[in-house]
Amino acid sequence: MKIRKKHNGYSHELATTYISEDKPVISLSTEAETQHVWKNGHRTNEISGYQAWFAQEGLEPFKVKFESRPQLPQFLSAVRLKDLEACQVKNNIYFKATEIEV
């Protein structure tokens, strides 16, 4: 019998299966992208969060969501994503973190 472990919502455990804690994460964004709330198919002025792009050796670039605007370092800086968590929706993995440490 094969038992699949299910993750409900975001978890640190899922994030570490994709992002190695032993390799540096490289910041690719110079400005955070603002995310807005959408209602009835229309964008509102309400901000739901911010996103920035990162990379790690052996992985495709990936986006990380932040609740508050992150202080981004210089392009290609090695960073640590504090409280990194991931969520899987179908075949997509979404990441979020609380802040960036250089």
PDB file of N, CA and C in Angstrom:
ATOM      1  N   MET A   1       0.839  -1.169   0.000  1.00  0.00           N
ATOM      2  CA  MET A   1       0.000   0.000   0.000  1.00  0.00           C
ATOM      3  C   MET A   1       0.891   1.241   0.000  1.00  0.00           C
ATOM      4  N   LYS A   2       0.543   2.201  -0.833  1.00  0.00           N
ATOM      5  CA  LYS A   2       1.301   3.442  -0.916  1.00  0.00           C
ATOM      6  C   LYS A   2       0.518   4.537  -0.214  1.00  0.00           C
ATOM      7  N   ILE A   3       1.142   5.178   0.764  1.00  0.00           N
ATOM      8  CA  ILE A   3       0.492   6.255   1.507  1.00  0.00           C
ATOM      9  C   ILE A   3       1.170   7.565   1.124  1.00  0.00           C
ATOM     10  N   ARG A   4       0.365   8.511   0.678  1.00  0.00           N
ATOM     11  CA  ARG A   4       0.900   9.810   0.299  1.00  0.00           C
ATOM     12  C   ARG A   4       0.667  10.785   1.433  1.00  0.00           C
ATOM     13  N   LYS A   5       1.715  11.478   1.795  1.00  0.00           N
ATOM     14  CA  LYS A   5       1.621  12.480   2.850  1.00  0.00           C
ATOM     15  C   LYS A   5       1.006  13.740   2.264  1.00  0.00           C
ATOM     16  N   LYS A   6      -0.056  14.224   2.854  1.00  0.00           N
ATOM     17  CA  LYS A   6      -0.724  15.429   2.376  1.00  0.00           C
ATOM     18  C   LYS A   6      -0.360  16.605   3.257  1.00  0.00           C
ATOM     19  N   HIS A   7      -0.168  17.751   2.624  1.00  0.00           N
ATOM     20  CA  HIS A   7       0.096  18.987   3.332  1.00  0.00           C
ATOM     21  C   HIS A   7      -1.128  19.870   3.171  1.00  0.00           C
ATOM     22  N   ASN A   8      -1.617  20.396   4.248  1.00  0.00           N
ATOM     23  CA  ASN A   8      -2.732  21.332   4.200  1.00  0.00           C
ATOM     24  C   ASN A   8      -2.199  22.726   4.468  1.00  0.00           C
ATOM     25  N   GLY A   9      -2.267  23.582   3.483  1.00  0.00           N
ATOM     26  CA  GLY A   9      -1.754  24.928   3.642  1.00  0.00           C
ATOM     27  C   GLY A   9      -0.238  24.971   3.532  1.00  0.00           C
ATOM     28  N   TYR A  10       0.333  26.035   4.059  1.00  0.00           N
ATOM     29  CA  TYR A  10       1.776  26.235   3.987  1.00  0.00           C
ATOM     30  C   TYR A  10       2.498  25.471   5.091  1.00  0.00           C
ATOM     31  N   SER A  11       3.696  24.957   4.771  1.00  0.00           N
ATOM     32  CA  SER A  11       4.500  24.278   5.789  1.00  0.00           C
ATOM     33  C   SER A  11       5.990  24.463   5.492  1.00  0.00           C
ATOM     34  N   HIS A  12       6.772  24.514   6.556  1.00  0.00           N
ATOM     35  CA  HIS A  12       8.228  24.606   6.433  1.00  0.00           C
ATOM     36  C   HIS A  12       8.779  23.291   5.875  1.00  0.00           C
ATOM     37  N   GLU A  13       8.185  22.181   6.293  1.00  0.00           N
ATOM     38  CA  GLU A  13       8.640  20.860   5.844  1.00  0.00           C
ATOM     39  C   GLU A  13       8.576  20.739   4.320  1.00  0.00           C
ATOM     40  N   LEU A  14       7.486  21.192   3.718  1.00  0.00           N
ATOM     41  CA  LEU A  14       7.358  21.125   2.263  1.00  0.00           C
ATOM     42  C   LEU A  14       8.385  22.038   1.589  1.00  0.00           C
ATOM     43  N   ALA A  15       8.614  23.218   2.153  1.00  0.00           N
ATOM     44  CA  ALA A  15       9.584  24.149   1.574  1.00  0.00           C
ATOM     45  C   ALA A  15      10.984  23.528   1.523  1.00  0.00           C
ATOM     46  N   THR A  16      11.365  22.802   2.574  1.00  0.00           N
ATOM     47  CA  THR A  16      12.710  22.219   2.613  1.00  0.00           C
ATOM     48  C   THR A  16      12.862  21.029   1.672  1.00  0.00           C
ATOM     49  N   THR A  17      11.771  20.487   1.160  1.00  0.00           N
ATOM     50  CA  THR A  17      11.895  19.426   0.153  1.00  0.00           C
ATOM     51  C   THR A  17      12.267  20.006  -1.208  1.00  0.00           C
ATOM     52  N   TYR A  18      12.033  21.292  -1.402  1.00  0.00           N
ATOM     53  CA  TYR A  18      12.353  21.949  -2.670  1.00  0.00           C
ATOM     54  C   TYR A  18      13.549  22.887  -2.569  1.00  0.00           C
ATOM     55  N   ILE A  19      13.637  23.649  -1.492  1.00  0.00           N
ATOM     56  CA  ILE A  19      14.712  24.632  -1.323  1.00  0.00           C
ATOM     57  C   ILE A  19      15.683  24.109  -0.272  1.00  0.00           C
ATOM     58  N   SER A  20      16.927  23.878  -0.687  1.00  0.00           N
ATOM     59  CA  SER A  20      17.939  23.364   0.226  1.00  0.00           C
ATOM     60  C   SER A  20      18.389  24.439   1.201  1.00  0.00           C
ATOM     61  N   GLU A  21      18.481  24.082   2.459  1.00  0.00           N
ATOM     62  CA  GLU A  21      18.971  25.016   3.468  1.00  0.00           C
ATOM     63  C   GLU A  21      20.497  25.081   3.473  1.00  0.00           C
ATOM     64  N   ASP A  22      21.150  24.150   2.730  1.00  0.00           N
ATOM     65  CA  ASP A  22      22.611  24.091   2.674  1.00  0.00           C
ATOM     66  C   ASP A  22      23.220  24.896   1.531  1.00  0.00           C
ATOM     67  N   LYS A  23      22.396  25.322   0.580  1.00  0.00           N
ATOM     68  CA  LYS A  23      22.888  26.087  -0.567  1.00  0.00           C
ATOM     69  C   LYS A  23      22.368  27.516  -0.475  1.00  0.00           C
ATOM     70  N   PRO A  24      23.143  28.484  -0.988  1.00  0.00           N
ATOM     71  CA  PRO A  24      22.660  29.866  -0.937  1.00  0.00           C
ATOM     72  C   PRO A  24      21.466  30.094  -1.867  1.00  0.00           C
ATOM     73  N   VAL A  25      20.593  30.977  -1.451  1.00  0.00           N
ATOM     74  CA  VAL A  25      19.485  31.447  -2.274  1.00  0.00           C
ATOM     75  C   VAL A  25      19.911  32.807  -2.809  1.00  0.00           C
ATOM     76  N   ILE A  26      19.736  33.026  -4.103  1.00  0.00           N
ATOM     77  CA  ILE A  26      20.185  34.253  -4.757  1.00  0.00           C
ATOM     78  C   ILE A  26      18.977  35.125  -5.094  1.00  0.00           C
ATOM     79  N   SER A  27      19.052  36.386  -4.700  1.00  0.00           N
ATOM     80  CA  SER A  27      17.978  37.339  -4.975  1.00  0.00           C
ATOM     81  C   SER A  27      18.088  37.832  -6.414  1.00  0.00           C
ATOM     82  N   LEU A  28      17.007  37.710  -7.178  1.00  0.00           N
ATOM     83  CA  LEU A  28      16.998  38.140  -8.576  1.00  0.00           C
ATOM     84  C   LEU A  28      16.241  39.445  -8.784  1.00  0.00           C
ATOM     85  N   SER A  29      15.366  39.797  -7.862  1.00  0.00           N
ATOM     86  CA  SER A  29      14.536  41.000  -8.008  1.00  0.00           C
ATOM     87  C   SER A  29      15.237  42.222  -7.434  1.00  0.00           C
ATOM     88  N   THR A  30      15.017  43.358  -8.088  1.00  0.00           N
ATOM     89  CA  THR A  30      15.510  44.620  -7.551  1.00  0.00           C
ATOM     90  C   THR A  30      14.373  45.425  -6.944  1.00  0.00           C
ATOM     91  N   GLU A  31      13.130  45.084  -7.299  1.00  0.00           N
ATOM     92  CA  GLU A  31      11.941  45.713  -6.728  1.00  0.00           C
ATOM     93  C   GLU A  31      10.891  44.635  -6.493  1.00  0.00           C
ATOM     94  N   ALA A  32      10.156  44.754  -5.394  1.00  0.00           N
ATOM     95  CA  ALA A  32       9.090  43.802  -5.100  1.00  0.00           C
ATOM     96  C   ALA A  32       7.871  44.107  -5.967  1.00  0.00           C
ATOM     97  N   GLU A  33       7.213  43.055  -6.451  1.00  0.00           N
ATOM     98  CA  GLU A  33       5.987  43.206  -7.229  1.00  0.00           C
ATOM     99  C   GLU A  33       4.811  43.281  -6.255  1.00  0.00           C
ATOM    100  N   THR A  34       3.968  44.262  -6.427  1.00  0.00           N
ATOM    101  CA  THR A  34       2.803  44.424  -5.565  1.00  0.00           C
ATOM    102  C   THR A  34       1.678  43.524  -6.066  1.00  0.00           C
ATOM    103  N   GLN A  35       1.043  42.800  -5.148  1.00  0.00           N
ATOM    104  CA  GLN A  35      -0.110  41.969  -5.476  1.00  0.00           C
ATOM    105  C   GLN A  35      -1.360  42.658  -4.950  1.00  0.00           C
ATOM    106  N   HIS A  36      -2.402  42.675  -5.756  1.00  0.00           N
ATOM    107  CA  HIS A  36      -3.652  43.319  -5.367  1.00  0.00           C
ATOM    108  C   HIS A  36      -4.760  42.278  -5.198  1.00  0.00           C
ATOM    109  N   VAL A  37      -5.751  42.641  -4.406  1.00  0.00           N
ATOM    110  CA  VAL A  37      -6.937  41.810  -4.220  1.00  0.00           C
ATOM    111  C   VAL A  37      -7.829  41.987  -5.444  1.00  0.00           C
ATOM    112  N   TRP A  38      -8.393  40.879  -5.911  1.00  0.00           N
ATOM    113  CA  TRP A  38      -9.322  40.903  -7.034  1.00  0.00           C
ATOM    114  C   TRP A  38     -10.719  40.561  -6.533  1.00  0.00           C
ATOM    115  N   LYS A  39     -11.720  41.325  -6.958  1.00  0.00           N
ATOM    116  CA  LYS A  39     -13.114  41.050  -6.606  1.00  0.00           C
ATOM    117  C   LYS A  39     -13.965  41.131  -7.862  1.00  0.00           C
ATOM    118  N   ASN A  40     -14.783  40.123  -8.065  1.00  0.00           N
ATOM    119  CA  ASN A  40     -15.678  40.074  -9.229  1.00  0.00           C
ATOM    120  C   ASN A  40     -14.936  40.284 -10.543  1.00  0.00           C
ATOM    121  N   GLY A  41     -13.734  39.721 -10.636  1.00  0.00           N
ATOM    122  CA  GLY A  41     -12.947  39.803 -11.862  1.00  0.00           C
ATOM    123  C   GLY A  41     -12.251  41.132 -12.090  1.00  0.00           C
ATOM    124  N   HIS A  42     -12.282  42.019 -11.084  1.00  0.00           N
ATOM    125  CA  HIS A  42     -11.634  43.318 -11.221  1.00  0.00           C
ATOM    126  C   HIS A  42     -10.630  43.535 -10.092  1.00  0.00           C
ATOM    127  N   ARG A  43      -9.522  44.153 -10.444  1.00  0.00           N
ATOM    128  CA  ARG A  43      -8.499  44.451  -9.455  1.00  0.00           C
ATOM    129  C   ARG A  43      -8.940  45.626  -8.583  1.00  0.00           C
ATOM    130  N   THR A  44      -8.722  45.493  -7.282  1.00  0.00           N
ATOM    131  CA  THR A  44      -9.021  46.592  -6.359  1.00  0.00           C
ATOM    132  C   THR A  44      -7.712  47.293  -6.000  1.00  0.00           C
ATOM    133  N   ASN A  45      -7.790  48.365  -5.242  1.00  0.00           N
ATOM    134  CA  ASN A  45      -6.588  49.061  -4.780  1.00  0.00           C
ATOM    135  C   ASN A  45      -6.035  48.451  -3.503  1.00  0.00           C
ATOM    136  N   GLU A  46      -6.732  47.442  -2.968  1.00  0.00           N
ATOM    137  CA  GLU A  46      -6.290  46.777  -1.736  1.00  0.00           C
ATOM    138  C   GLU A  46      -5.092  45.872  -2.044  1.00  0.00           C
ATOM    139  N   ILE A  47      -4.033  46.004  -1.253  1.00  0.00           N
ATOM    140  CA  ILE A  47      -2.816  45.217  -1.457  1.00  0.00           C
ATOM    141  C   ILE A  47      -2.895  43.940  -0.624  1.00  0.00           C
ATOM    142  N   SER A  48      -2.635  42.799  -1.280  1.00  0.00           N
ATOM    143  CA  SER A  48      -2.670  41.511  -0.575  1.00  0.00           C
ATOM    144  C   SER A  48      -1.279  41.002  -0.218  1.00  0.00           C
ATOM    145  N   GLY A  49      -0.238  41.589  -0.801  1.00  0.00           N
ATOM    146  CA  GLY A  49       1.119  41.152  -0.505  1.00  0.00           C
ATOM    147  C   GLY A  49       2.094  41.615  -1.576  1.00  0.00           C
ATOM    148  N   TYR A  50       3.309  41.094  -1.482  1.00  0.00           N
ATOM    149  CA  TYR A  50       4.384  41.458  -2.402  1.00  0.00           C
ATOM    150  C   TYR A  50       5.117  40.187  -2.810  1.00  0.00           C
ATOM    151  N   GLN A  51       5.697  40.187  -4.008  1.00  0.00           N
ATOM    152  CA  GLN A  51       6.452  39.037  -4.481  1.00  0.00           C
ATOM    153  C   GLN A  51       7.814  39.473  -4.998  1.00  0.00           C
ATOM    154  N   ALA A  52       8.773  38.561  -4.866  1.00  0.00           N
ATOM    155  CA  ALA A  52      10.113  38.787  -5.399  1.00  0.00           C
ATOM    156  C   ALA A  52      10.635  37.447  -5.928  1.00  0.00           C
ATOM    157  N   TRP A  53      11.556  37.517  -6.878  1.00  0.00           N
ATOM    158  CA  TRP A  53      12.128  36.330  -7.513  1.00  0.00           C
ATOM    159  C   TRP A  53      13.465  35.950  -6.891  1.00  0.00           C
ATOM    160  N   PHE A  54      13.681  34.637  -6.797  1.00  0.00           N
ATOM    161  CA  PHE A  54      14.911  34.085  -6.232  1.00  0.00           C
ATOM    162  C   PHE A  54      15.337  32.869  -7.054  1.00  0.00           C
ATOM    163  N   ALA A  55      16.575  32.432  -6.857  1.00  0.00           N
ATOM    164  CA  ALA A  55      17.093  31.246  -7.543  1.00  0.00           C
ATOM    165  C   ALA A  55      18.004  30.491  -6.581  1.00  0.00           C
ATOM    166  N   GLN A  56      18.156  29.212  -6.874  1.00  0.00           N
ATOM    167  CA  GLN A  56      19.093  28.373  -6.142  1.00  0.00           C
ATOM    168  C   GLN A  56      19.678  27.387  -7.140  1.00  0.00           C
ATOM    169  N   GLU A  57      20.929  27.066  -6.967  1.00  0.00           N
ATOM    170  CA  GLU A  57      21.605  26.144  -7.878  1.00  0.00           C
ATOM    171  C   GLU A  57      20.778  24.882  -8.064  1.00  0.00           C
ATOM    172  N   GLY A  58      20.546  24.511  -9.329  1.00  0.00           N
ATOM    173  CA  GLY A  58      19.804  23.294  -9.651  1.00  0.00           C
ATOM    174  C   GLY A  58      18.302  23.479  -9.734  1.00  0.00           C
ATOM    175  N   LEU A  59      17.800  24.687  -9.462  1.00  0.00           N
ATOM    176  CA  LEU A  59      16.359  24.958  -9.514  1.00  0.00           C
ATOM    177  C   LEU A  59      16.057  26.064 -10.513  1.00  0.00           C
ATOM    178  N   GLU A  60      14.832  26.042 -11.016  1.00  0.00           N
ATOM    179  CA  GLU A  60      14.369  27.157 -11.827  1.00  0.00           C
ATOM    180  C   GLU A  60      14.106  28.337 -10.896  1.00  0.00           C
ATOM    181  N   PRO A  61      14.150  29.571 -11.399  1.00  0.00           N
ATOM    182  CA  PRO A  61      13.804  30.717 -10.557  1.00  0.00           C
ATOM    183  C   PRO A  61      12.400  30.541  -9.973  1.00  0.00           C
ATOM    184  N   PHE A  62      12.215  31.037  -8.750  1.00  0.00           N
ATOM    185  CA  PHE A  62      10.928  30.881  -8.078  1.00  0.00           C
ATOM    186  C   PHE A  62      10.548  32.177  -7.377  1.00  0.00           C
ATOM    187  N   LYS A  63       9.228  32.388  -7.236  1.00  0.00           N
ATOM    188  CA  LYS A  63       8.707  33.579  -6.569  1.00  0.00           C
ATOM    189  C   LYS A  63       8.413  33.262  -5.115  1.00  0.00           C
ATOM    190  N   VAL A  64       8.604  34.259  -4.270  1.00  0.00           N
ATOM    191  CA  VAL A  64       8.265  34.141  -2.852  1.00  0.00           C
ATOM    192  C   VAL A  64       7.365  35.317  -2.501  1.00  0.00           C
ATOM    193  N   LYS A  65       6.280  35.018  -1.802  1.00  0.00           N
ATOM    194  CA  LYS A  65       5.330  36.041  -1.386  1.00  0.00           C
ATOM    195  C   LYS A  65       5.668  36.525   0.029  1.00  0.00           C
ATOM    196  N   PHE A  66       5.476  37.832   0.250  1.00  0.00           N
ATOM    197  CA  PHE A  66       5.688  38.459   1.551  1.00  0.00           C
ATOM    198  C   PHE A  66       4.443  39.271   1.896  1.00  0.00           C
ATOM    199  N   GLU A  67       4.047  39.283   3.172  1.00  0.00           N
ATOM    200  CA  GLU A  67       2.887  40.071   3.576  1.00  0.00           C
ATOM    201  C   GLU A  67       3.197  41.564   3.568  1.00  0.00           C
ATOM    202  N   SER A  68       4.409  41.926   3.988  1.00  0.00           N
ATOM    203  CA  SER A  68       4.806  43.337   3.964  1.00  0.00           C
ATOM    204  C   SER A  68       5.936  43.506   2.946  1.00  0.00           C
ATOM    205  N   ARG A  69       6.109  44.725   2.462  1.00  0.00           N
ATOM    206  CA  ARG A  69       7.112  44.978   1.418  1.00  0.00           C
ATOM    207  C   ARG A  69       8.506  44.603   1.936  1.00  0.00           C
ATOM    208  N   PRO A  70       9.179  43.665   1.261  1.00  0.00           N
ATOM    209  CA  PRO A  70      10.510  43.252   1.717  1.00  0.00           C
ATOM    210  C   PRO A  70      11.578  44.274   1.326  1.00  0.00           C
ATOM    211  N   GLN A  71      12.603  44.328   2.126  1.00  0.00           N
ATOM    212  CA  GLN A  71      13.768  45.168   1.826  1.00  0.00           C
ATOM    213  C   GLN A  71      14.694  44.305   0.970  1.00  0.00           C
ATOM    214  N   LEU A  72      14.707  44.546  -0.335  1.00  0.00           N
ATOM    215  CA  LEU A  72      15.492  43.714  -1.248  1.00  0.00           C
ATOM    216  C   LEU A  72      16.947  44.167  -1.301  1.00  0.00           C
ATOM    217  N   PRO A  73      17.867  43.204  -1.299  1.00  0.00           N
ATOM    218  CA  PRO A  73      19.294  43.538  -1.409  1.00  0.00           C
ATOM    219  C   PRO A  73      19.673  43.791  -2.867  1.00  0.00           C
ATOM    220  N   GLN A  74      20.943  44.022  -3.108  1.00  0.00           N
ATOM    221  CA  GLN A  74      21.428  44.212  -4.473  1.00  0.00           C
ATOM    222  C   GLN A  74      21.194  42.953  -5.291  1.00  0.00           C
ATOM    223  N   PHE A  75      21.068  43.131  -6.601  1.00  0.00           N
ATOM    224  CA  PHE A  75      20.876  42.039  -7.555  1.00  0.00           C
ATOM    225  C   PHE A  75      21.969  40.979  -7.371  1.00  0.00           C
ATOM    226  N   LEU A  76      21.574  39.729  -7.331  1.00  0.00           N
ATOM    227  CA  LEU A  76      22.438  38.546  -7.203  1.00  0.00           C
ATOM    228  C   LEU A  76      23.086  38.400  -5.826  1.00  0.00           C
ATOM    229  N   SER A  77      22.508  39.023  -4.822  1.00  0.00           N
ATOM    230  CA  SER A  77      23.002  38.849  -3.454  1.00  0.00           C
ATOM    231  C   SER A  77      22.548  37.511  -2.898  1.00  0.00           C
ATOM    232  N   ALA A  78      23.408  36.885  -2.109  1.00  0.00           N
ATOM    233  CA  ALA A  78      23.026  35.657  -1.409  1.00  0.00           C
ATOM    234  C   ALA A  78      22.195  36.062  -0.191  1.00  0.00           C
ATOM    235  N   VAL A  79      21.049  35.408  -0.021  1.00  0.00           N
ATOM    236  CA  VAL A  79      20.132  35.764   1.062  1.00  0.00           C
ATOM    237  C   VAL A  79      19.638  34.522   1.791  1.00  0.00           C
ATOM    238  N   ARG A  80      18.992  34.766   2.916  1.00  0.00           N
ATOM    239  CA  ARG A  80      18.289  33.723   3.654  1.00  0.00           C
ATOM    240  C   ARG A  80      16.846  34.178   3.751  1.00  0.00           C
ATOM    241  N   LEU A  81      15.913  33.292   3.423  1.00  0.00           N
ATOM    242  CA  LEU A  81      14.494  33.604   3.493  1.00  0.00           C
ATOM    243  C   LEU A  81      13.974  33.158   4.855  1.00  0.00           C
ATOM    244  N   LYS A  82      13.650  34.113   5.697  1.00  0.00           N
ATOM    245  CA  LYS A  82      13.232  33.822   7.066  1.00  0.00           C
ATOM    246  C   LYS A  82      11.808  33.254   7.077  1.00  0.00           C
ATOM    247  N   ASP A  83      11.624  32.172   7.841  1.00  0.00           N
ATOM    248  CA  ASP A  83      10.328  31.491   7.984  1.00  0.00           C
ATOM    249  C   ASP A  83       9.753  31.063   6.637  1.00  0.00           C
ATOM    250  N   LEU A  84      10.611  30.512   5.772  1.00  0.00           N
ATOM    251  CA  LEU A  84      10.171  30.058   4.449  1.00  0.00           C
ATOM    252  C   LEU A  84       9.212  28.885   4.584  1.00  0.00           C
ATOM    253  N   GLU A  85       8.083  28.987   3.884  1.00  0.00           N
ATOM    254  CA  GLU A  85       7.082  27.928   3.858  1.00  0.00           C
ATOM    255  C   GLU A  85       6.623  27.729   2.423  1.00  0.00           C
ATOM    256  N   ALA A  86       6.076  26.546   2.143  1.00  0.00           N
ATOM    257  CA  ALA A  86       5.572  26.242   0.806  1.00  0.00           C
ATOM    258  C   ALA A  86       4.201  25.603   0.897  1.00  0.00           C
ATOM    259  N   CYS A  87       3.461  25.754  -0.187  1.00  0.00           N
ATOM    260  CA  CYS A  87       2.120  25.187  -0.298  1.00  0.00           C
ATOM    261  C   CYS A  87       2.006  24.582  -1.694  1.00  0.00           C
ATOM    262  N   GLN A  88       1.432  23.397  -1.782  1.00  0.00           N
ATOM    263  CA  GLN A  88       1.253  22.753  -3.077  1.00  0.00           C
ATOM    264  C   GLN A  88      -0.212  22.790  -3.468  1.00  0.00           C
ATOM    265  N   VAL A  89      -0.473  23.311  -4.665  1.00  0.00           N
ATOM    266  CA  VAL A  89      -1.817  23.333  -5.232  1.00  0.00           C
ATOM    267  C   VAL A  89      -1.713  22.639  -6.580  1.00  0.00           C
ATOM    268  N   LYS A  90      -2.304  21.446  -6.662  1.00  0.00           N
ATOM    269  CA  LYS A  90      -2.159  20.570  -7.829  1.00  0.00           C
ATOM    270  C   LYS A  90      -0.674  20.335  -8.076  1.00  0.00           C
ATOM    271  N   ASN A  91      -0.142  20.734  -9.229  1.00  0.00           N
ATOM    272  CA  ASN A  91       1.284  20.518  -9.519  1.00  0.00           C
ATOM    273  C   ASN A  91       2.132  21.764  -9.313  1.00  0.00           C
ATOM    274  N   ASN A  92       1.565  22.793  -8.704  1.00  0.00           N
ATOM    275  CA  ASN A  92       2.287  24.045  -8.485  1.00  0.00           C
ATOM    276  C   ASN A  92       2.693  24.191  -7.025  1.00  0.00           C
ATOM    277  N   ILE A  93       3.885  24.742  -6.820  1.00  0.00           N
ATOM    278  CA  ILE A  93       4.387  25.005  -5.473  1.00  0.00           C
ATOM    279  C   ILE A  93       4.482  26.517  -5.310  1.00  0.00           C
ATOM    280  N   TYR A  94       3.914  27.020  -4.212  1.00  0.00           N
ATOM    281  CA  TYR A  94       3.943  28.439  -3.901  1.00  0.00           C
ATOM    282  C   TYR A  94       4.707  28.631  -2.597  1.00  0.00           C
ATOM    283  N   PHE A  95       5.562  29.664  -2.581  1.00  0.00           N
ATOM    284  CA  PHE A  95       6.389  29.934  -1.398  1.00  0.00           C
ATOM    285  C   PHE A  95       5.990  31.258  -0.756  1.00  0.00           C
ATOM    286  N   LYS A  96       6.184  31.324   0.568  1.00  0.00           N
ATOM    287  CA  LYS A  96       6.029  32.587   1.279  1.00  0.00           C
ATOM    288  C   LYS A  96       7.070  32.630   2.389  1.00  0.00           C
ATOM    289  N   ALA A  97       7.433  33.844   2.773  1.00  0.00           N
ATOM    290  CA  ALA A  97       8.417  34.055   3.843  1.00  0.00           C
ATOM    291  C   ALA A  97       8.059  35.356   4.544  1.00  0.00           C
ATOM    292  N   THR A  98       8.633  35.550   5.731  1.00  0.00           N
ATOM    293  CA  THR A  98       8.331  36.769   6.467  1.00  0.00           C
ATOM    294  C   THR A  98       9.278  37.910   6.121  1.00  0.00           C
ATOM    295  N   GLU A  99      10.561  37.578   5.849  1.00  0.00           N
ATOM    296  CA  GLU A  99      11.515  38.631   5.476  1.00  0.00           C
ATOM    297  C   GLU A  99      12.757  38.027   4.839  1.00  0.00           C
ATOM    298  N   ILE A 100      13.621  38.913   4.377  1.00  0.00           N
ATOM    299  CA  ILE A 100      14.871  38.527   3.715  1.00  0.00           C
ATOM    300  C   ILE A 100      16.038  38.965   4.578  1.00  0.00           C
ATOM    301  N   GLU A 101      17.001  38.079   4.788  1.00  0.00           N
ATOM    302  CA  GLU A 101      18.220  38.404   5.522  1.00  0.00           C
ATOM    303  C   GLU A 101      19.402  38.242   4.584  1.00  0.00           C
ATOM    304  N   VAL A 102      20.269  39.242   4.530  1.00  0.00           N
ATOM    305  CA  VAL A 102      21.445  39.186   3.642  1.00  0.00           C
ATOM    306  C   VAL A 102      22.557  38.468   4.356  1.00  0.00           C
TER     307      VAL A 102
END
